[in-house]
Amino acid sequence: MLKVTMSAKGQIVIPAEVRRKLALKAGTLLRVYDGDGKIVLVPEIEDPLSAGLGFLKKEKTRDDEGGAKEGAQGIA
């Protein structure tokens, strides 16, 4: 567990180890949630559409004529 100290202005520094792991850089927007006595910071996704790519896998299947066609398979 890592500890940080809040400044008089309410600022904290996210440890370098965490910034590297989550690929956070200067200017990254974070959403702030509070509840149950906890503060949760969640990085904003820069491009939600690109982040969603790969959600469905394409799978090649054979139809009755023996040709290949593509189908979509969801994540279970």
PDB file of N, CA and C in Angstrom:
ATOM      1  N   MET A   1       0.849  -1.177   0.000  1.00  0.00           N
ATOM      2  CA  MET A   1       0.000   0.000   0.000  1.00  0.00           C
ATOM      3  C   MET A   1       0.892   1.237   0.000  1.00  0.00           C
ATOM      4  N   LEU A   2       0.533   2.177  -0.821  1.00  0.00           N
ATOM      5  CA  LEU A   2       1.279   3.426  -0.918  1.00  0.00           C
ATOM      6  C   LEU A   2       0.517   4.520  -0.172  1.00  0.00           C
ATOM      7  N   LYS A   3       1.254   5.466   0.398  1.00  0.00           N
ATOM      8  CA  LYS A   3       0.634   6.589   1.099  1.00  0.00           C
ATOM      9  C   LYS A   3       1.006   7.886   0.411  1.00  0.00           C
ATOM     10  N   VAL A   4       0.076   8.830   0.401  1.00  0.00           N
ATOM     11  CA  VAL A   4       0.342  10.170  -0.114  1.00  0.00           C
ATOM     12  C   VAL A   4      -0.147  11.166   0.917  1.00  0.00           C
ATOM     13  N   THR A   5       0.367  12.385   0.843  1.00  0.00           N
ATOM     14  CA  THR A   5      -0.029  13.446   1.758  1.00  0.00           C
ATOM     15  C   THR A   5      -0.711  14.546   0.970  1.00  0.00           C
ATOM     16  N   MET A   6      -1.811  15.032   1.487  1.00  0.00           N
ATOM     17  CA  MET A   6      -2.535  16.106   0.833  1.00  0.00           C
ATOM     18  C   MET A   6      -1.951  17.441   1.267  1.00  0.00           C
ATOM     19  N   SER A   7      -1.761  18.341   0.304  1.00  0.00           N
ATOM     20  CA  SER A   7      -1.214  19.664   0.601  1.00  0.00           C
ATOM     21  C   SER A   7      -2.312  20.565   1.175  1.00  0.00           C
ATOM     22  N   ALA A   8      -1.908  21.749   1.608  1.00  0.00           N
ATOM     23  CA  ALA A   8      -2.865  22.722   2.137  1.00  0.00           C
ATOM     24  C   ALA A   8      -3.891  23.123   1.073  1.00  0.00           C
ATOM     25  N   LYS A   9      -3.514  23.006  -0.202  1.00  0.00           N
ATOM     26  CA  LYS A   9      -4.420  23.336  -1.303  1.00  0.00           C
ATOM     27  C   LYS A   9      -5.292  22.151  -1.708  1.00  0.00           C
ATOM     28  N   GLY A  10      -5.150  21.020  -1.038  1.00  0.00           N
ATOM     29  CA  GLY A  10      -5.947  19.837  -1.365  1.00  0.00           C
ATOM     30  C   GLY A  10      -5.353  18.992  -2.476  1.00  0.00           C
ATOM     31  N   GLN A  11      -4.083  19.204  -2.781  1.00  0.00           N
ATOM     32  CA  GLN A  11      -3.424  18.471  -3.856  1.00  0.00           C
ATOM     33  C   GLN A  11      -2.701  17.244  -3.329  1.00  0.00           C
ATOM     34  N   ILE A  12      -2.669  16.195  -4.158  1.00  0.00           N
ATOM     35  CA  ILE A  12      -1.873  15.007  -3.847  1.00  0.00           C
ATOM     36  C   ILE A  12      -1.009  14.691  -5.061  1.00  0.00           C
ATOM     37  N   VAL A  13       0.042  13.919  -4.849  1.00  0.00           N
ATOM     38  CA  VAL A  13       0.884  13.446  -5.940  1.00  0.00           C
ATOM     39  C   VAL A  13       0.653  11.948  -6.053  1.00  0.00           C
ATOM     40  N   ILE A  14       0.256  11.515  -7.254  1.00  0.00           N
ATOM     41  CA  ILE A  14       0.083  10.084  -7.494  1.00  0.00           C
ATOM     42  C   ILE A  14       1.472   9.500  -7.691  1.00  0.00           C
ATOM     43  N   PRO A  15       1.828   8.474  -6.912  1.00  0.00           N
ATOM     44  CA  PRO A  15       3.179   7.917  -6.998  1.00  0.00           C
ATOM     45  C   PRO A  15       3.551   7.498  -8.425  1.00  0.00           C
ATOM     46  N   ALA A  16       4.837   7.673  -8.776  1.00  0.00           N
ATOM     47  CA  ALA A  16       5.333   7.370 -10.119  1.00  0.00           C
ATOM     48  C   ALA A  16       5.028   5.931 -10.522  1.00  0.00           C
ATOM     49  N   GLU A  17       5.147   5.012  -9.596  1.00  0.00           N
ATOM     50  CA  GLU A  17       4.867   3.592  -9.869  1.00  0.00           C
ATOM     51  C   GLU A  17       3.445   3.408 -10.402  1.00  0.00           C
ATOM     52  N   VAL A  18       2.491   4.085  -9.777  1.00  0.00           N
ATOM     53  CA  VAL A  18       1.082   3.987 -10.186  1.00  0.00           C
ATOM     54  C   VAL A  18       0.873   4.697 -11.524  1.00  0.00           C
ATOM     55  N   ARG A  19       1.503   5.867 -11.690  1.00  0.00           N
ATOM     56  CA  ARG A  19       1.376   6.600 -12.960  1.00  0.00           C
ATOM     57  C   ARG A  19       1.891   5.775 -14.126  1.00  0.00           C
ATOM     58  N   ARG A  20       3.022   5.106 -13.939  1.00  0.00           N
ATOM     59  CA  ARG A  20       3.567   4.259 -15.008  1.00  0.00           C
ATOM     60  C   ARG A  20       2.643   3.080 -15.299  1.00  0.00           C
ATOM     61  N   LYS A  21       2.191   2.412 -14.260  1.00  0.00           N
ATOM     62  CA  LYS A  21       1.332   1.228 -14.420  1.00  0.00           C
ATOM     63  C   LYS A  21       0.059   1.565 -15.179  1.00  0.00           C
ATOM     64  N   LEU A  22      -0.523   2.726 -14.906  1.00  0.00           N
ATOM     65  CA  LEU A  22      -1.787   3.120 -15.529  1.00  0.00           C
ATOM     66  C   LEU A  22      -1.594   4.047 -16.728  1.00  0.00           C
ATOM     67  N   ALA A  23      -0.337   4.283 -17.101  1.00  0.00           N
ATOM     68  CA  ALA A  23      -0.006   5.161 -18.236  1.00  0.00           C
ATOM     69  C   ALA A  23      -0.621   6.546 -18.080  1.00  0.00           C
ATOM     70  N   LEU A  24      -0.560   7.101 -16.866  1.00  0.00           N
ATOM     71  CA  LEU A  24      -1.069   8.443 -16.608  1.00  0.00           C
ATOM     72  C   LEU A  24       0.019   9.453 -16.932  1.00  0.00           C
ATOM     73  N   LYS A  25      -0.368  10.531 -17.562  1.00  0.00           N
ATOM     74  CA  LYS A  25       0.598  11.584 -17.877  1.00  0.00           C
ATOM     75  C   LYS A  25      -0.014  12.929 -17.524  1.00  0.00           C
ATOM     76  N   ALA A  26       0.796  13.971 -17.547  1.00  0.00           N
ATOM     77  CA  ALA A  26       0.316  15.315 -17.221  1.00  0.00           C
ATOM     78  C   ALA A  26      -0.883  15.652 -18.105  1.00  0.00           C
ATOM     79  N   GLY A  27      -1.915  16.171 -17.507  1.00  0.00           N
ATOM     80  CA  GLY A  27      -3.110  16.552 -18.250  1.00  0.00           C
ATOM     81  C   GLY A  27      -4.179  15.479 -18.300  1.00  0.00           C
ATOM     82  N   THR A  28      -3.879  14.267 -17.807  1.00  0.00           N
ATOM     83  CA  THR A  28      -4.879  13.202 -17.791  1.00  0.00           C
ATOM     84  C   THR A  28      -6.040  13.617 -16.891  1.00  0.00           C
ATOM     85  N   LEU A  29      -7.252  13.481 -17.406  1.00  0.00           N
ATOM     86  CA  LEU A  29      -8.435  13.808 -16.609  1.00  0.00           C
ATOM     87  C   LEU A  29      -8.813  12.609 -15.751  1.00  0.00           C
ATOM     88  N   LEU A  30      -9.146  12.880 -14.493  1.00  0.00           N
ATOM     89  CA  LEU A  30      -9.564  11.832 -13.564  1.00  0.00           C
ATOM     90  C   LEU A  30     -10.953  12.168 -13.034  1.00  0.00           C
ATOM     91  N   ARG A  31     -11.816  11.181 -12.974  1.00  0.00           N
ATOM     92  CA  ARG A  31     -13.118  11.361 -12.320  1.00  0.00           C
ATOM     93  C   ARG A  31     -12.913  11.065 -10.834  1.00  0.00           C
ATOM     94  N   VAL A  32     -13.588  11.827  -9.986  1.00  0.00           N
ATOM     95  CA  VAL A  32     -13.457  11.661  -8.542  1.00  0.00           C
ATOM     96  C   VAL A  32     -14.800  11.209  -7.976  1.00  0.00           C
ATOM     97  N   TYR A  33     -14.774  10.082  -7.283  1.00  0.00           N
ATOM     98  CA  TYR A  33     -15.968   9.544  -6.643  1.00  0.00           C
ATOM     99  C   TYR A  33     -15.695   9.438  -5.153  1.00  0.00           C
ATOM    100  N   ASP A  34     -16.710   9.703  -4.344  1.00  0.00           N
ATOM    101  CA  ASP A  34     -16.563   9.517  -2.902  1.00  0.00           C
ATOM    102  C   ASP A  34     -17.744   8.729  -2.379  1.00  0.00           C
ATOM    103  N   GLY A  35     -17.478   7.936  -1.385  1.00  0.00           N
ATOM    104  CA  GLY A  35     -18.527   7.142  -0.757  1.00  0.00           C
ATOM    105  C   GLY A  35     -17.918   6.115   0.164  1.00  0.00           C
ATOM    106  N   ASP A  36     -18.644   5.764   1.182  1.00  0.00           N
ATOM    107  CA  ASP A  36     -18.189   4.785   2.172  1.00  0.00           C
ATOM    108  C   ASP A  36     -16.847   5.164   2.776  1.00  0.00           C
ATOM    109  N   GLY A  37     -16.584   6.469   2.922  1.00  0.00           N
ATOM    110  CA  GLY A  37     -15.352   6.928   3.533  1.00  0.00           C
ATOM    111  C   GLY A  37     -14.128   6.776   2.646  1.00  0.00           C
ATOM    112  N   LYS A  38     -14.332   6.585   1.331  1.00  0.00           N
ATOM    113  CA  LYS A  38     -13.216   6.406   0.405  1.00  0.00           C
ATOM    114  C   LYS A  38     -13.290   7.438  -0.715  1.00  0.00           C
ATOM    115  N   ILE A  39     -12.132   7.770  -1.265  1.00  0.00           N
ATOM    116  CA  ILE A  39     -12.035   8.615  -2.445  1.00  0.00           C
ATOM    117  C   ILE A  39     -11.484   7.733  -3.552  1.00  0.00           C
ATOM    118  N   VAL A  40     -12.173   7.705  -4.696  1.00  0.00           N
ATOM    119  CA  VAL A  40     -11.757   6.873  -5.818  1.00  0.00           C
ATOM    120  C   VAL A  40     -11.487   7.775  -7.011  1.00  0.00           C
ATOM    121  N   LEU A  41     -10.309   7.639  -7.613  1.00  0.00           N
ATOM    122  CA  LEU A  41      -9.948   8.379  -8.814  1.00  0.00           C
ATOM    123  C   LEU A  41      -9.954   7.411  -9.995  1.00  0.00           C
ATOM    124  N   VAL A  42     -10.689   7.758 -11.047  1.00  0.00           N
ATOM    125  CA  VAL A  42     -10.788   6.901 -12.224  1.00  0.00           C
ATOM    126  C   VAL A  42     -10.363   7.699 -13.450  1.00  0.00           C
ATOM    127  N   PRO A  43      -9.318   7.238 -14.166  1.00  0.00           N
ATOM    128  CA  PRO A  43      -8.878   7.967 -15.355  1.00  0.00           C
ATOM    129  C   PRO A  43      -9.969   7.981 -16.424  1.00  0.00           C
ATOM    130  N   GLU A  44     -10.117   9.131 -17.085  1.00  0.00           N
ATOM    131  CA  GLU A  44     -11.034   9.247 -18.218  1.00  0.00           C
ATOM    132  C   GLU A  44     -10.421   8.514 -19.401  1.00  0.00           C
ATOM    133  N   ILE A  45     -11.242   7.870 -20.186  1.00  0.00           N
ATOM    134  CA  ILE A  45     -10.784   7.237 -21.410  1.00  0.00           C
ATOM    135  C   ILE A  45     -10.720   8.320 -22.473  1.00  0.00           C
ATOM    136  N   GLU A  46      -9.535   8.486 -23.096  1.00  0.00           N
ATOM    137  CA  GLU A  46      -9.365   9.561 -24.073  1.00  0.00           C
ATOM    138  C   GLU A  46     -10.288   9.397 -25.274  1.00  0.00           C
ATOM    139  N   ASP A  47     -10.376   8.193 -25.822  1.00  0.00           N
ATOM    140  CA  ASP A  47     -11.224   7.936 -26.975  1.00  0.00           C
ATOM    141  C   ASP A  47     -12.057   6.694 -26.694  1.00  0.00           C
ATOM    142  N   PRO A  48     -13.274   6.864 -26.165  1.00  0.00           N
ATOM    143  CA  PRO A  48     -14.097   5.721 -25.775  1.00  0.00           C
ATOM    144  C   PRO A  48     -14.364   4.742 -26.915  1.00  0.00           C
ATOM    145  N   LEU A  49     -14.467   5.221 -28.142  1.00  0.00           N
ATOM    146  CA  LEU A  49     -14.730   4.320 -29.263  1.00  0.00           C
ATOM    147  C   LEU A  49     -13.552   3.401 -29.520  1.00  0.00           C
ATOM    148  N   SER A  50     -12.346   3.955 -29.501  1.00  0.00           N
ATOM    149  CA  SER A  50     -11.159   3.123 -29.711  1.00  0.00           C
ATOM    150  C   SER A  50     -10.977   2.142 -28.558  1.00  0.00           C
ATOM    151  N   ALA A  51     -11.276   2.562 -27.349  1.00  0.00           N
ATOM    152  CA  ALA A  51     -11.124   1.688 -26.187  1.00  0.00           C
ATOM    153  C   ALA A  51     -12.095   0.518 -26.251  1.00  0.00           C
ATOM    154  N   GLY A  52     -13.224   0.699 -26.920  1.00  0.00           N
ATOM    155  CA  GLY A  52     -14.226  -0.359 -27.022  1.00  0.00           C
ATOM    156  C   GLY A  52     -13.956  -1.353 -28.132  1.00  0.00           C
ATOM    157  N   LEU A  53     -13.035  -1.021 -29.057  1.00  0.00           N
ATOM    158  CA  LEU A  53     -12.738  -1.947 -30.138  1.00  0.00           C
ATOM    159  C   LEU A  53     -12.153  -3.228 -29.578  1.00  0.00           C
ATOM    160  N   GLY A  54     -12.520  -4.335 -30.162  1.00  0.00           N
ATOM    161  CA  GLY A  54     -12.047  -5.621 -29.677  1.00  0.00           C
ATOM    162  C   GLY A  54     -12.990  -6.231 -28.666  1.00  0.00           C
ATOM    163  N   PHE A  55     -14.073  -5.546 -28.350  1.00  0.00           N
ATOM    164  CA  PHE A  55     -15.040  -6.084 -27.397  1.00  0.00           C
ATOM    165  C   PHE A  55     -15.698  -7.335 -27.963  1.00  0.00           C
ATOM    166  N   LEU A  56     -15.998  -7.302 -29.249  1.00  0.00           N
ATOM    167  CA  LEU A  56     -16.560  -8.472 -29.910  1.00  0.00           C
ATOM    168  C   LEU A  56     -15.485  -9.114 -30.772  1.00  0.00           C
ATOM    169  N   LYS A  57     -15.370 -10.425 -30.663  1.00  0.00           N
ATOM    170  CA  LYS A  57     -14.401 -11.153 -31.463  1.00  0.00           C
ATOM    171  C   LYS A  57     -15.073 -11.601 -32.754  1.00  0.00           C
ATOM    172  N   LYS A  58     -14.362 -11.506 -33.864  1.00  0.00           N
ATOM    173  CA  LYS A  58     -14.872 -12.037 -35.121  1.00  0.00           C
ATOM    174  C   LYS A  58     -14.402 -13.471 -35.239  1.00  0.00           C
ATOM    175  N   GLU A  59     -15.329 -14.326 -35.633  1.00  0.00           N
ATOM    176  CA  GLU A  59     -15.007 -15.735 -35.765  1.00  0.00           C
ATOM    177  C   GLU A  59     -15.458 -16.199 -37.137  1.00  0.00           C
ATOM    178  N   LYS A  60     -14.585 -16.873 -37.855  1.00  0.00           N
ATOM    179  CA  LYS A  60     -14.958 -17.394 -39.168  1.00  0.00           C
ATOM    180  C   LYS A  60     -15.729 -18.686 -38.973  1.00  0.00           C
ATOM    181  N   THR A  61     -16.853 -18.793 -39.689  1.00  0.00           N
ATOM    182  CA  THR A  61     -17.674 -20.002 -39.630  1.00  0.00           C
ATOM    183  C   THR A  61     -17.942 -20.480 -41.043  1.00  0.00           C
ATOM    184  N   ARG A  62     -18.285 -21.719 -41.188  1.00  0.00           N
ATOM    185  CA  ARG A  62     -18.623 -22.295 -42.495  1.00  0.00           C
ATOM    186  C   ARG A  62     -20.138 -22.306 -42.649  1.00  0.00           C
ATOM    187  N   ASP A  63     -20.592 -21.842 -43.811  1.00  0.00           N
ATOM    188  CA  ASP A  63     -22.020 -21.951 -44.070  1.00  0.00           C
ATOM    189  C   ASP A  63     -22.279 -23.272 -44.794  1.00  0.00           C
ATOM    190  N   ASP A  64     -23.505 -23.548 -45.161  1.00  0.00           N
ATOM    191  CA  ASP A  64     -23.871 -24.828 -45.773  1.00  0.00           C
ATOM    192  C   ASP A  64     -23.197 -25.074 -47.120  1.00  0.00           C
ATOM    193  N   GLU A  65     -22.849 -24.011 -47.874  1.00  0.00           N
ATOM    194  CA  GLU A  65     -22.204 -24.174 -49.176  1.00  0.00           C
ATOM    195  C   GLU A  65     -20.699 -24.426 -49.047  1.00  0.00           C
ATOM    196  N   GLY A  66     -20.160 -24.406 -47.862  1.00  0.00           N
ATOM    197  CA  GLY A  66     -18.743 -24.662 -47.669  1.00  0.00           C
ATOM    198  C   GLY A  66     -17.885 -23.416 -47.737  1.00  0.00           C
ATOM    199  N   GLY A  67     -18.476 -22.252 -47.934  1.00  0.00           N
ATOM    200  CA  GLY A  67     -17.717 -21.011 -47.961  1.00  0.00           C
ATOM    201  C   GLY A  67     -17.563 -20.460 -46.551  1.00  0.00           C
ATOM    202  N   ALA A  68     -16.617 -19.584 -46.393  1.00  0.00           N
ATOM    203  CA  ALA A  68     -16.396 -18.976 -45.080  1.00  0.00           C
ATOM    204  C   ALA A  68     -17.177 -17.684 -44.977  1.00  0.00           C
ATOM    205  N   LYS A  69     -17.715 -17.407 -43.837  1.00  0.00           N
ATOM    206  CA  LYS A  69     -18.340 -16.123 -43.568  1.00  0.00           C
ATOM    207  C   LYS A  69     -17.969 -15.710 -42.160  1.00  0.00           C
ATOM    208  N   GLU A  70     -18.035 -14.407 -41.890  1.00  0.00           N
ATOM    209  CA  GLU A  70     -17.654 -13.910 -40.575  1.00  0.00           C
ATOM    210  C   GLU A  70     -18.878 -13.774 -39.704  1.00  0.00           C
ATOM    211  N   GLY A  71     -18.721 -14.082 -38.444  1.00  0.00           N
ATOM    212  CA  GLY A  71     -19.782 -13.918 -37.463  1.00  0.00           C
ATOM    213  C   GLY A  71     -19.214 -13.202 -36.266  1.00  0.00           C
ATOM    214  N   ALA A  72     -20.065 -12.654 -35.405  1.00  0.00           N
ATOM    215  CA  ALA A  72     -19.604 -11.971 -34.202  1.00  0.00           C
ATOM    216  C   ALA A  72     -19.916 -12.834 -33.002  1.00  0.00           C
ATOM    217  N   GLN A  73     -18.979 -12.908 -32.102  1.00  0.00           N
ATOM    218  CA  GLN A  73     -19.158 -13.682 -30.891  1.00  0.00           C
ATOM    219  C   GLN A  73     -18.928 -12.765 -29.722  1.00  0.00           C
ATOM    220  N   GLY A  74     -19.898 -12.635 -28.802  1.00  0.00           N
ATOM    221  CA  GLY A  74     -19.766 -11.774 -27.636  1.00  0.00           C
ATOM    222  C   GLY A  74     -18.945 -12.424 -26.560  1.00  0.00           C
ATOM    223  N   ILE A  75     -18.545 -11.636 -25.611  1.00  0.00           N
ATOM    224  CA  ILE A  75     -17.797 -12.133 -24.457  1.00  0.00           C
ATOM    225  C   ILE A  75     -18.787 -12.689 -23.457  1.00  0.00           C
ATOM    226  N   ALA A  76     -18.525 -13.889 -22.995  1.00  0.00           N
ATOM    227  CA  ALA A  76     -19.449 -14.530 -22.055  1.00  0.00           C
ATOM    228  C   ALA A  76     -19.149 -14.096 -20.652  1.00  0.00           C
TER     229      ALA A  76
END
